[in-house]
Amino acid sequence: MIHMNIFRVLGDVSHTASKCILIWAIHSNRSAEGVSLITQMFYVAVFCTRYLDLLWVPPRVSWWNFILKNFYIISSLYIILLMTRVYARTREREKSWRLGAYCLGGSIVLTPVVIVINLAKQRTDFSDILWTFSIILESVCVVPQLLLLRQTTVPTVIDSFYLLTLGSYRGFYILNWIVRAASSEHHFEWRAVLFGIIQTAFYVDFAWVYWTRQRVKLRNGGVVDSDDLSRGFLVSRVLGRGDPGIDDEERGAGDGANDDDTAPSSRGGGKWGLRGISVSADEGVIDPRNKAQDSKVRDDELAGIMDDDESDEDARPHQ
């Protein structure tokens, strides 16, 4: 029998909405900028290992579960297809892939430890082992996504609606666990609760940083730099205090935003440039005083070059 309550329904709806919002954002912007391929691959692994019961549980037991489980798997695979074939682009560097390997390896190593602890309460089988692995891996799925956003200085398709629905999904599930534990059912699954709280803590910490950031408020995307993320309590301790380097491609994309020959004008709509990069990312961000200072520096440099040319001319022997 499937136990449902309002918080379980809201959690499932939020989770489904987050997938739909991300797919819509990728299509509408014609870009997958800022979306972590590693995180999306982790989600596929999570759903495929958790929903093995689709192979033997008939749909009539719960059409709700049957439809949503298939939707999560198919939508995650579709997002990966969009990222790798349709709007192929990723800024994830070697550090991100190493971090992803640590998350995956840590989940694999921790799974048998959790299984041994849980043996005191109930017997286990192969499907329960995979379910435990999926719970642990999902708790850290978002970490590569946070690292990618930390390294990205151009607008992304990640927006507040996606973060809100993705974060509230686990928040509603925590309330669902409380209701089930307090009801006559007295159901309490400590593994789901423990790692669900860890997962929710990452979402809450990042949401706080996202909403309090002071850099750029964008119309069609969001920029979160290393200074913003360093203000978070949990994220800064897991990912460190900053990544000073920006790859050449990313820097070039930002520098090309003001080139009239390579990017369309951004006036009147926050348009997206080549390969889905917003050409109005830093519009109005530069302080006029900084502009004047930069102009003065360039004038001084030009004057110095002219003086050098005159000196060279004087130094040449007259013929």
Protein backbone atom coordinates (compact mmCIF):
# COMPACT_ATOMS: atom_id res chain seq x y z
CA MET A 1 0.00 0.00 0.00
CA ILE A 2 1.30 3.47 -0.94
CA HIS A 3 1.08 6.03 1.87
CA MET A 4 0.38 9.54 0.60
CA ASN A 5 -0.11 12.88 2.33
CA ILE A 6 -0.16 16.48 1.19
CA PHE A 7 3.58 16.99 1.77
CA ARG A 8 4.47 13.90 -0.24
CA VAL A 9 2.29 15.16 -3.11
CA LEU A 10 3.79 18.67 -2.95
CA GLY A 11 7.30 17.19 -2.89
CA ASP A 12 6.63 15.11 -6.00
CA VAL A 13 5.04 18.08 -7.77
CA SER A 14 8.02 20.32 -6.91
CA HIS A 15 10.47 17.70 -8.11
CA THR A 16 8.57 17.30 -11.38
CA ALA A 17 8.32 21.07 -11.83
CA SER A 18 12.09 21.47 -11.40
CA LYS A 19 12.71 19.09 -14.30
CA CYS A 20 10.17 20.86 -16.50
CA ILE A 21 11.57 24.31 -15.67
CA LEU A 22 15.13 23.26 -16.50
CA ILE A 23 14.11 21.70 -19.82
CA TRP A 24 12.05 24.79 -20.70
CA ALA A 25 14.95 27.11 -19.78
CA ILE A 26 17.39 25.18 -21.97
CA HIS A 27 15.02 25.27 -24.95
CA SER A 28 13.92 28.88 -24.53
CA ASN A 29 17.52 30.15 -24.24
CA ARG A 30 18.83 27.64 -26.78
CA SER A 31 21.65 26.94 -24.37
CA ALA A 32 22.63 24.68 -21.50
CA GLU A 33 25.00 27.29 -20.08
CA GLY A 34 25.68 26.80 -16.38
CA VAL A 35 24.05 23.36 -16.12
CA SER A 36 26.36 20.69 -14.71
CA LEU A 37 26.62 17.61 -16.89
CA ILE A 38 28.11 15.72 -13.94
CA THR A 39 25.11 16.51 -11.75
CA GLN A 40 22.66 15.43 -14.45
CA MET A 41 24.57 12.16 -14.95
CA PHE A 42 24.39 11.58 -11.20
CA TYR A 43 20.62 12.08 -11.30
CA VAL A 44 20.31 9.38 -13.97
CA ALA A 45 22.36 7.02 -11.80
CA VAL A 46 20.20 7.87 -8.78
CA PHE A 47 16.89 7.22 -10.52
CA CYS A 48 18.01 4.07 -12.32
CA THR A 49 19.30 2.47 -9.11
CA ARG A 50 16.37 3.61 -6.96
CA TYR A 51 13.51 2.68 -9.26
CA LEU A 52 14.42 -0.90 -10.12
CA ASP A 53 11.03 -1.92 -8.79
CA LEU A 54 9.61 -0.71 -12.11
CA LEU A 55 10.77 -4.08 -13.45
CA TRP A 56 8.53 -6.17 -11.20
CA VAL A 57 5.93 -3.91 -9.55
CA PRO A 58 2.85 -3.58 -11.83
CA PRO A 59 1.68 -0.02 -12.61
CA ARG A 60 -1.78 -0.63 -11.12
CA VAL A 61 -0.25 -0.71 -7.63
CA SER A 62 0.34 3.04 -7.93
CA TRP A 63 -0.06 4.85 -11.21
CA TRP A 64 1.25 7.99 -9.48
CA ASN A 65 4.58 6.37 -8.67
CA PHE A 66 4.79 4.55 -12.01
CA ILE A 67 4.34 7.74 -14.06
CA LEU A 68 6.64 9.92 -11.95
CA LYS A 69 9.44 7.37 -11.73
CA ASN A 70 9.49 6.95 -15.50
CA PHE A 71 9.29 10.72 -15.97
CA TYR A 72 12.33 11.33 -13.73
CA ILE A 73 14.43 8.80 -15.63
CA ILE A 74 13.34 9.92 -19.10
CA SER A 75 13.59 13.66 -18.36
CA SER A 76 17.09 13.28 -16.90
CA LEU A 77 18.23 11.34 -19.97
CA TYR A 78 16.64 13.99 -22.20
CA ILE A 79 18.52 16.79 -20.40
CA ILE A 80 21.79 14.94 -20.98
CA LEU A 81 20.84 14.53 -24.65
CA LEU A 82 20.22 18.28 -24.92
CA MET A 83 23.54 19.06 -23.24
CA THR A 84 25.64 16.68 -25.31
CA ARG A 85 23.95 16.71 -28.73
CA VAL A 86 21.65 19.70 -29.20
CA TYR A 87 23.23 22.54 -27.22
CA ALA A 88 26.56 20.93 -26.53
CA ARG A 89 28.56 23.12 -24.17
CA THR A 90 30.15 22.58 -20.80
CA ARG A 91 32.54 24.71 -18.78
CA GLU A 92 33.35 22.00 -16.27
CA ARG A 93 37.06 21.66 -15.83
CA GLU A 94 39.25 18.92 -14.45
CA LYS A 95 38.61 20.06 -10.88
CA SER A 96 34.87 19.50 -11.35
CA TRP A 97 35.34 15.98 -12.68
CA ARG A 98 37.66 15.14 -9.79
CA LEU A 99 35.06 16.44 -7.34
CA GLY A 100 32.41 14.34 -9.09
CA ALA A 101 34.64 11.28 -8.80
CA TYR A 102 35.04 11.94 -5.07
CA CYS A 103 31.27 12.21 -4.63
CA LEU A 104 30.65 9.00 -6.54
CA GLY A 105 33.47 7.10 -4.84
CA GLY A 106 32.45 8.32 -1.41
CA SER A 107 28.88 7.17 -2.03
CA ILE A 108 30.07 3.73 -3.10
CA VAL A 109 32.35 3.38 -0.06
CA LEU A 110 29.72 4.66 2.38
CA THR A 111 26.93 2.40 1.10
CA PRO A 112 28.13 -0.87 2.72
CA VAL A 113 28.81 0.99 5.98
CA VAL A 114 25.22 2.24 6.10
CA ILE A 115 23.92 -1.20 5.13
CA VAL A 116 25.82 -2.84 8.01
CA ILE A 117 24.41 -0.29 10.46
CA ASN A 118 20.91 -0.86 9.13
CA LEU A 119 21.17 -4.67 9.40
CA ALA A 120 20.35 -4.37 13.10
CA LYS A 121 16.86 -3.16 12.11
CA GLN A 122 15.98 -5.09 8.99
CA ARG A 123 17.26 -7.61 6.49
CA THR A 124 18.53 -6.32 3.18
CA ASP A 125 18.76 -7.47 -0.42
CA PHE A 126 20.38 -6.25 -3.63
CA SER A 127 17.64 -3.72 -4.42
CA ASP A 128 17.94 -2.27 -0.90
CA ILE A 129 21.70 -1.86 -1.39
CA LEU A 130 21.12 0.06 -4.61
CA TRP A 131 18.40 2.13 -2.95
CA THR A 132 20.81 3.07 -0.15
CA PHE A 133 23.46 4.02 -2.71
CA SER A 134 20.96 6.24 -4.54
CA ILE A 135 19.99 8.04 -1.34
CA ILE A 136 23.62 8.76 -0.48
CA LEU A 137 24.55 9.85 -4.01
CA GLU A 138 21.53 12.15 -4.33
CA SER A 139 22.57 14.00 -1.17
CA VAL A 140 25.74 15.21 -2.96
CA CYS A 141 24.42 15.39 -6.54
CA VAL A 142 24.18 19.15 -6.42
CA VAL A 143 27.81 19.72 -5.35
CA PRO A 144 29.27 19.67 -8.93
CA GLN A 145 26.48 22.05 -9.95
CA LEU A 146 27.46 24.49 -7.20
CA LEU A 147 31.11 24.30 -8.23
CA LEU A 148 30.22 25.00 -11.86
CA LEU A 149 28.14 28.05 -10.92
CA ARG A 150 31.03 29.24 -8.79
CA GLN A 151 33.39 29.05 -11.78
CA THR A 152 30.95 30.65 -14.25
CA THR A 153 31.00 34.40 -14.88
CA VAL A 154 28.48 34.53 -17.74
CA PRO A 155 24.68 34.26 -17.43
CA THR A 156 23.27 30.78 -17.01
CA VAL A 157 19.94 29.09 -17.63
CA ILE A 158 19.77 28.26 -13.91
CA ASP A 159 17.21 30.60 -12.37
CA SER A 160 15.46 31.13 -9.06
CA PHE A 161 12.38 29.12 -10.09
CA TYR A 162 14.50 26.03 -10.74
CA LEU A 163 16.35 26.40 -7.46
CA LEU A 164 13.13 27.03 -5.54
CA THR A 165 11.35 23.93 -6.87
CA LEU A 166 14.42 21.72 -6.55
CA GLY A 167 15.07 22.83 -2.98
CA SER A 168 11.45 22.72 -1.81
CA TYR A 169 11.15 19.15 -3.12
CA ARG A 170 13.33 17.83 -0.31
CA GLY A 171 11.88 20.26 2.20
CA PHE A 172 8.39 18.86 1.59
CA TYR A 173 9.76 15.35 1.87
CA ILE A 174 11.19 16.11 5.30
CA LEU A 175 7.72 17.23 6.40
CA ASN A 176 6.33 14.05 4.85
CA TRP A 177 8.70 11.95 6.97
CA ILE A 178 7.65 13.81 10.12
CA VAL A 179 3.96 13.24 9.38
CA ARG A 180 4.48 9.54 8.68
CA ALA A 181 6.52 9.08 11.85
CA ALA A 182 3.89 10.86 13.99
CA SER A 183 0.93 9.04 12.42
CA SER A 184 -0.40 5.60 13.27
CA GLU A 185 1.92 4.23 10.60
CA HIS A 186 4.99 5.13 12.72
CA HIS A 187 7.21 4.87 9.67
CA PHE A 188 10.72 6.26 10.05
CA GLU A 189 13.50 5.53 7.53
CA TRP A 190 16.62 7.01 9.09
CA ARG A 191 18.72 6.67 5.94
CA ALA A 192 16.37 8.77 3.84
CA VAL A 193 15.99 11.34 6.62
CA LEU A 194 19.71 11.71 7.35
CA PHE A 195 20.89 12.11 3.77
CA GLY A 196 17.79 14.07 2.81
CA ILE A 197 18.67 16.65 5.47
CA ILE A 198 22.24 16.85 4.10
CA GLN A 199 20.88 17.38 0.59
CA THR A 200 18.43 20.03 1.77
CA ALA A 201 21.21 21.82 3.67
CA PHE A 202 23.15 22.27 0.40
CA TYR A 203 20.04 23.68 -1.29
CA VAL A 204 19.23 26.06 1.55
CA ASP A 205 22.80 27.33 1.83
CA PHE A 206 23.06 27.97 -1.89
CA ALA A 207 19.59 29.56 -2.02
CA TRP A 208 20.67 32.02 0.68
CA VAL A 209 23.75 32.97 -1.33
CA TYR A 210 21.70 33.25 -4.52
CA TRP A 211 19.11 35.58 -3.05
CA THR A 212 21.59 37.81 -1.20
CA ARG A 213 24.18 38.13 -3.95
CA GLN A 214 25.19 41.70 -4.80
CA ARG A 215 26.68 41.32 -8.26
CA VAL A 216 24.37 41.32 -11.30
CA LYS A 217 20.59 40.96 -11.44
CA LEU A 218 19.94 39.40 -14.83
CA ARG A 219 16.74 39.16 -16.79
CA ASN A 220 17.23 35.72 -18.33
CA GLY A 221 19.80 34.05 -16.12
CA GLY A 222 21.94 34.35 -13.01
CA VAL A 223 25.58 34.99 -12.26
CA VAL A 224 27.12 33.85 -9.00
CA ASP A 225 30.84 34.50 -8.62
CA SER A 226 33.35 33.11 -6.13
CA ASP A 227 32.97 36.10 -3.78
CA ASP A 228 29.23 35.43 -3.56
CA LEU A 229 29.60 31.73 -2.85
CA SER A 230 32.35 32.33 -0.29
CA ARG A 231 29.68 33.95 1.89
CA GLY A 232 27.80 30.66 2.20
CA PHE A 233 28.31 28.65 5.38
CA LEU A 234 28.20 25.11 3.97
CA VAL A 235 29.21 25.62 0.34
CA SER A 236 32.42 27.48 1.19
CA ARG A 237 33.51 24.71 3.55
CA VAL A 238 32.96 21.95 1.01
CA LEU A 239 34.20 23.74 -2.12
CA GLY A 240 36.83 25.99 -0.55
CA ARG A 241 37.23 29.76 -0.53
CA GLY A 242 37.62 30.64 -4.16
CA ASP A 243 38.86 29.75 -7.60
CA PRO A 244 40.85 32.68 -8.91
CA GLY A 245 41.27 31.37 -12.43
CA ILE A 246 38.83 31.82 -15.28
CA ASP A 247 39.52 29.81 -18.39
CA ASP A 248 40.48 31.59 -21.60
CA GLU A 249 37.29 30.60 -23.38
CA GLU A 250 35.11 32.04 -20.63
CA ARG A 251 37.14 35.23 -20.46
CA GLY A 252 36.95 35.57 -24.22
CA ALA A 253 33.20 35.15 -24.16
CA GLY A 254 32.85 37.94 -21.64
CA ASP A 255 35.25 40.23 -23.48
CA GLY A 256 33.42 39.68 -26.73
CA ALA A 257 30.14 40.82 -25.30
CA ASN A 258 30.75 44.40 -26.36
CA ASP A 259 32.03 43.58 -29.85
CA ASP A 260 29.47 44.81 -32.35
CA ASP A 261 30.82 42.50 -35.06
CA THR A 262 30.40 39.28 -33.09
CA ALA A 263 27.39 39.80 -30.84
CA PRO A 264 23.98 41.34 -31.36
CA SER A 265 22.95 44.42 -29.44
CA SER A 266 21.55 43.75 -25.97
CA ARG A 267 19.29 46.80 -25.81
CA GLY A 268 15.65 46.09 -25.32
CA GLY A 269 15.38 42.50 -24.22
CA GLY A 270 18.41 40.87 -22.67
CA LYS A 271 19.21 38.91 -25.83
CA TRP A 272 21.47 35.89 -25.89
CA GLY A 273 24.54 35.92 -28.08
CA LEU A 274 26.43 33.16 -29.83
CA ARG A 275 26.15 29.72 -28.19
CA GLY A 276 23.57 31.03 -25.74
CA ILE A 277 25.83 33.50 -23.92
CA SER A 278 24.07 36.67 -22.84
CA VAL A 279 25.57 39.76 -24.38
CA SER A 280 24.24 42.01 -21.61
CA ALA A 281 25.76 40.25 -18.64
CA ASP A 282 27.70 43.20 -17.28
CA GLU A 283 25.59 45.98 -18.70
CA GLY A 284 25.63 48.92 -16.29
CA VAL A 285 27.92 47.15 -13.82
CA ILE A 286 31.10 49.14 -14.45
CA ASP A 287 31.33 52.23 -12.28
CA PRO A 288 31.65 55.46 -14.32
CA ARG A 289 34.59 56.46 -12.11
CA ASN A 290 36.31 53.21 -13.03
CA LYS A 291 35.63 53.96 -16.69
CA ALA A 292 37.26 57.37 -16.34
CA GLN A 293 40.24 55.86 -14.54
CA ASP A 294 40.66 53.18 -17.21
CA SER A 295 40.46 55.85 -19.91
CA LYS A 296 43.16 57.91 -18.18
CA VAL A 297 45.42 54.84 -17.92
CA ARG A 298 44.98 54.14 -21.61
CA ASP A 299 45.79 57.77 -22.48
CA ASP A 300 48.94 57.62 -20.34
CA GLU A 301 50.02 54.41 -22.01
CA LEU A 302 49.42 55.91 -25.46
CA ALA A 303 51.43 59.00 -24.56
CA GLY A 304 54.26 56.78 -23.36
CA ILE A 305 54.29 54.88 -26.63
CA MET A 306 54.41 58.14 -28.63
CA ASP A 307 57.31 59.40 -26.50
CA ASP A 308 59.19 56.17 -27.16
CA ASP A 309 58.63 56.56 -30.91
CA GLU A 310 59.96 60.12 -30.82
CA SER A 311 63.03 58.99 -28.87
CA ASP A 312 63.69 56.27 -31.40
CA GLU A 313 63.39 58.82 -34.23
CA ASP A 314 65.91 61.15 -32.54
CA ALA A 315 68.30 58.28 -32.00
CA ARG A 316 68.43 57.33 -35.68
CA PRO A 317 71.51 58.64 -37.59
CA HIS A 318 70.68 61.39 -40.10
CA GLN A 319 71.51 60.53 -43.66
